[in-house]
Amino acid sequence: MAANPAITAIFGALSDPTRLAIVERLLKEGERSAGEIAEPFPISKPAISKHLRVLEHAGLIERRVARQWRVCRVRPEAIRAVDDWMRQYRKFWQGSFDRLEQALALPDTEEPLP
């Protein structure tokens, strides 16, 4: 199966712990300026700006100008795309886990398996 370029970009962006934390914060708290996003991180504002650019290029966030600030928010379409992608694998894994649970519920046999 060919990889979906949009999903590959999203997961690539989220593979960095700082970028993942930024997205989690935006999901919990909503729109934030770059300065507000940078506050809890022990890295420079230029480094945060680079992380924001990666997230924006991956389609995870969008930035808009509000007065003199650039405000960031998570793009719901990106989260929906990840959920859609995961849904197809969730069905497969759920079936596998159900079969494993059934196998583990069987009584033990005295004979070792070959």
C-alpha atoms as a PDB file:
ATOM      1  CA  MET A   1       0.000   0.000   0.000  1.00  0.00           C
ATOM      2  CA  ALA A   2       1.369   3.408  -0.977  1.00  0.00           C
ATOM      3  CA  ALA A   3       1.917   5.900   1.822  1.00  0.00           C
ATOM      4  CA  ASN A   4      -0.384   8.907   1.951  1.00  0.00           C
ATOM      5  CA  PRO A   5       1.915  11.964   1.659  1.00  0.00           C
ATOM      6  CA  ALA A   6      -0.291  14.122   3.905  1.00  0.00           C
ATOM      7  CA  ILE A   7      -0.333  11.507   6.676  1.00  0.00           C
ATOM      8  CA  THR A   8       3.409  10.937   6.285  1.00  0.00           C
ATOM      9  CA  ALA A   9       4.026  14.682   6.720  1.00  0.00           C
ATOM     10  CA  ILE A  10       1.752  14.844   9.772  1.00  0.00           C
ATOM     11  CA  PHE A  11       3.370  11.892  11.534  1.00  0.00           C
ATOM     12  CA  GLY A  12       6.820  13.192  10.595  1.00  0.00           C
ATOM     13  CA  ALA A  13       6.018  16.536  12.194  1.00  0.00           C
ATOM     14  CA  LEU A  14       4.572  14.890  15.302  1.00  0.00           C
ATOM     15  CA  SER A  15       7.604  12.623  15.730  1.00  0.00           C
ATOM     16  CA  ASP A  16       9.409  15.464  17.508  1.00  0.00           C
ATOM     17  CA  PRO A  17       8.449  15.730  21.221  1.00  0.00           C
ATOM     18  CA  THR A  18       8.399  19.535  21.174  1.00  0.00           C
ATOM     19  CA  ARG A  19       6.116  19.695  18.157  1.00  0.00           C
ATOM     20  CA  LEU A  20       3.840  17.043  19.648  1.00  0.00           C
ATOM     21  CA  ALA A  21       3.643  19.064  22.886  1.00  0.00           C
ATOM     22  CA  ILE A  22       2.818  22.217  20.912  1.00  0.00           C
ATOM     23  CA  VAL A  23      -0.054  20.484  19.125  1.00  0.00           C
ATOM     24  CA  GLU A  24      -1.329  18.971  22.378  1.00  0.00           C
ATOM     25  CA  ARG A  25      -1.276  22.403  24.004  1.00  0.00           C
ATOM     26  CA  LEU A  26      -3.134  24.003  21.106  1.00  0.00           C
ATOM     27  CA  LEU A  27      -5.736  21.233  21.194  1.00  0.00           C
ATOM     28  CA  LYS A  28      -6.298  21.750  24.927  1.00  0.00           C
ATOM     29  CA  GLU A  29      -6.086  25.541  25.076  1.00  0.00           C
ATOM     30  CA  GLY A  30      -7.115  26.714  21.622  1.00  0.00           C
ATOM     31  CA  GLU A  31      -5.494  29.513  19.636  1.00  0.00           C
ATOM     32  CA  ARG A  32      -2.241  30.910  20.998  1.00  0.00           C
ATOM     33  CA  SER A  33       0.334  33.398  19.814  1.00  0.00           C
ATOM     34  CA  ALA A  34       3.825  32.158  19.053  1.00  0.00           C
ATOM     35  CA  GLY A  35       5.059  33.893  22.223  1.00  0.00           C
ATOM     36  CA  GLU A  36       2.457  32.139  24.354  1.00  0.00           C
ATOM     37  CA  ILE A  37       3.317  28.818  22.750  1.00  0.00           C
ATOM     38  CA  ALA A  38       7.017  29.361  23.506  1.00  0.00           C
ATOM     39  CA  GLU A  39       6.545  30.155  27.231  1.00  0.00           C
ATOM     40  CA  PRO A  40       6.743  26.652  28.754  1.00  0.00           C
ATOM     41  CA  PHE A  41       9.582  25.431  26.534  1.00  0.00           C
ATOM     42  CA  PRO A  42      13.249  25.779  27.495  1.00  0.00           C
ATOM     43  CA  ILE A  43      14.252  26.659  23.936  1.00  0.00           C
ATOM     44  CA  SER A  44      14.626  29.934  22.058  1.00  0.00           C
ATOM     45  CA  LYS A  45      11.782  31.701  20.306  1.00  0.00           C
ATOM     46  CA  PRO A  46      13.510  31.207  16.920  1.00  0.00           C
ATOM     47  CA  ALA A  47      13.574  27.458  17.616  1.00  0.00           C
ATOM     48  CA  ILE A  48       9.847  27.547  18.428  1.00  0.00           C
ATOM     49  CA  SER A  49       9.276  29.439  15.165  1.00  0.00           C
ATOM     50  CA  LYS A  50      11.052  26.658  13.260  1.00  0.00           C
ATOM     51  CA  HIS A  51       8.850  24.056  14.954  1.00  0.00           C
ATOM     52  CA  LEU A  52       5.759  26.072  14.053  1.00  0.00           C
ATOM     53  CA  ARG A  53       6.874  26.251  10.414  1.00  0.00           C
ATOM     54  CA  VAL A  54       7.276  22.452  10.318  1.00  0.00           C
ATOM     55  CA  LEU A  55       3.791  22.012  11.789  1.00  0.00           C
ATOM     56  CA  GLU A  56       2.365  24.507   9.313  1.00  0.00           C
ATOM     57  CA  HIS A  57       4.063  22.854   6.313  1.00  0.00           C
ATOM     58  CA  ALA A  58       2.674  19.487   7.466  1.00  0.00           C
ATOM     59  CA  GLY A  59      -0.805  21.008   7.488  1.00  0.00           C
ATOM     60  CA  LEU A  60      -1.289  20.512  11.226  1.00  0.00           C
ATOM     61  CA  ILE A  61      -1.614  24.159  12.181  1.00  0.00           C
ATOM     62  CA  GLU A  62      -2.486  27.396  10.522  1.00  0.00           C
ATOM     63  CA  ARG A  63      -1.326  30.864  11.464  1.00  0.00           C
ATOM     64  CA  ARG A  64      -3.125  34.146  11.042  1.00  0.00           C
ATOM     65  CA  VAL A  65      -2.281  37.709  11.903  1.00  0.00           C
ATOM     66  CA  ALA A  66      -4.255  39.199  14.797  1.00  0.00           C
ATOM     67  CA  ARG A  67      -3.093  42.785  15.344  1.00  0.00           C
ATOM     68  CA  GLN A  68       0.678  42.517  15.824  1.00  0.00           C
ATOM     69  CA  TRP A  69       0.681  38.797  16.716  1.00  0.00           C
ATOM     70  CA  ARG A  70       0.686  35.651  14.658  1.00  0.00           C
ATOM     71  CA  VAL A  71      -1.896  33.352  16.205  1.00  0.00           C
ATOM     72  CA  CYS A  72      -1.723  29.589  15.709  1.00  0.00           C
ATOM     73  CA  ARG A  73      -4.438  26.984  15.824  1.00  0.00           C
ATOM     74  CA  VAL A  74      -4.732  23.298  14.993  1.00  0.00           C
ATOM     75  CA  ARG A  75      -6.413  22.565  11.676  1.00  0.00           C
ATOM     76  CA  PRO A  76      -9.374  20.250  12.404  1.00  0.00           C
ATOM     77  CA  GLU A  77      -9.005  18.726   8.927  1.00  0.00           C
ATOM     78  CA  ALA A  78      -5.562  17.397   9.854  1.00  0.00           C
ATOM     79  CA  ILE A  79      -6.858  15.716  13.004  1.00  0.00           C
ATOM     80  CA  ARG A  80      -9.763  14.283  11.008  1.00  0.00           C
ATOM     81  CA  ALA A  81      -7.338  12.915   8.387  1.00  0.00           C
ATOM     82  CA  VAL A  82      -5.307  11.146  11.091  1.00  0.00           C
ATOM     83  CA  ASP A  83      -8.486   9.733  12.636  1.00  0.00           C
ATOM     84  CA  ASP A  84      -9.670   8.457   9.231  1.00  0.00           C
ATOM     85  CA  TRP A  85      -6.283   6.854   8.583  1.00  0.00           C
ATOM     86  CA  MET A  86      -6.226   5.201  12.003  1.00  0.00           C
ATOM     87  CA  ARG A  87      -9.809   3.943  11.682  1.00  0.00           C
ATOM     88  CA  GLN A  88      -8.847   1.518   8.914  1.00  0.00           C
ATOM     89  CA  TYR A  89      -6.105   0.000  11.080  1.00  0.00           C
ATOM     90  CA  ARG A  90      -8.208   0.048  14.240  1.00  0.00           C
ATOM     91  CA  LYS A  91     -10.605  -2.469  12.643  1.00  0.00           C
ATOM     92  CA  PHE A  92      -7.720  -4.812  11.827  1.00  0.00           C
ATOM     93  CA  TRP A  93      -6.096  -4.562  15.249  1.00  0.00           C
ATOM     94  CA  GLN A  94      -9.367  -4.895  17.132  1.00  0.00           C
ATOM     95  CA  GLY A  95     -10.050  -8.162  15.307  1.00  0.00           C
ATOM     96  CA  SER A  96      -6.538  -9.377  16.123  1.00  0.00           C
ATOM     97  CA  PHE A  97      -6.917  -8.476  19.796  1.00  0.00           C
ATOM     98  CA  ASP A  98     -10.320 -10.195  19.943  1.00  0.00           C
ATOM     99  CA  ARG A  99      -8.808 -13.413  18.517  1.00  0.00           C
ATOM    100  CA  LEU A 100      -5.887 -13.223  20.951  1.00  0.00           C
ATOM    101  CA  GLU A 101      -8.273 -12.770  23.880  1.00  0.00           C
ATOM    102  CA  GLN A 102     -10.251 -15.832  22.759  1.00  0.00           C
ATOM    103  CA  ALA A 103      -7.078 -17.894  22.429  1.00  0.00           C
ATOM    104  CA  LEU A 104      -5.899 -16.865  25.882  1.00  0.00           C
ATOM    105  CA  ALA A 105      -9.257 -17.851  27.363  1.00  0.00           C
ATOM    106  CA  LEU A 106      -8.875 -21.451  26.164  1.00  0.00           C
ATOM    107  CA  PRO A 107      -7.865 -23.963  28.837  1.00  0.00           C
ATOM    108  CA  ASP A 108      -4.186 -24.875  28.969  1.00  0.00           C
ATOM    109  CA  THR A 109      -3.259 -28.226  27.509  1.00  0.00           C
ATOM    110  CA  GLU A 110      -0.863 -30.613  29.172  1.00  0.00           C
ATOM    111  CA  GLU A 111       1.041 -31.235  25.979  1.00  0.00           C
ATOM    112  CA  PRO A 112       3.602 -28.659  24.874  1.00  0.00           C
ATOM    113  CA  LEU A 113       3.093 -27.218  21.443  1.00  0.00           C
ATOM    114  CA  PRO A 114       5.530 -28.413  18.742  1.00  0.00           C
END
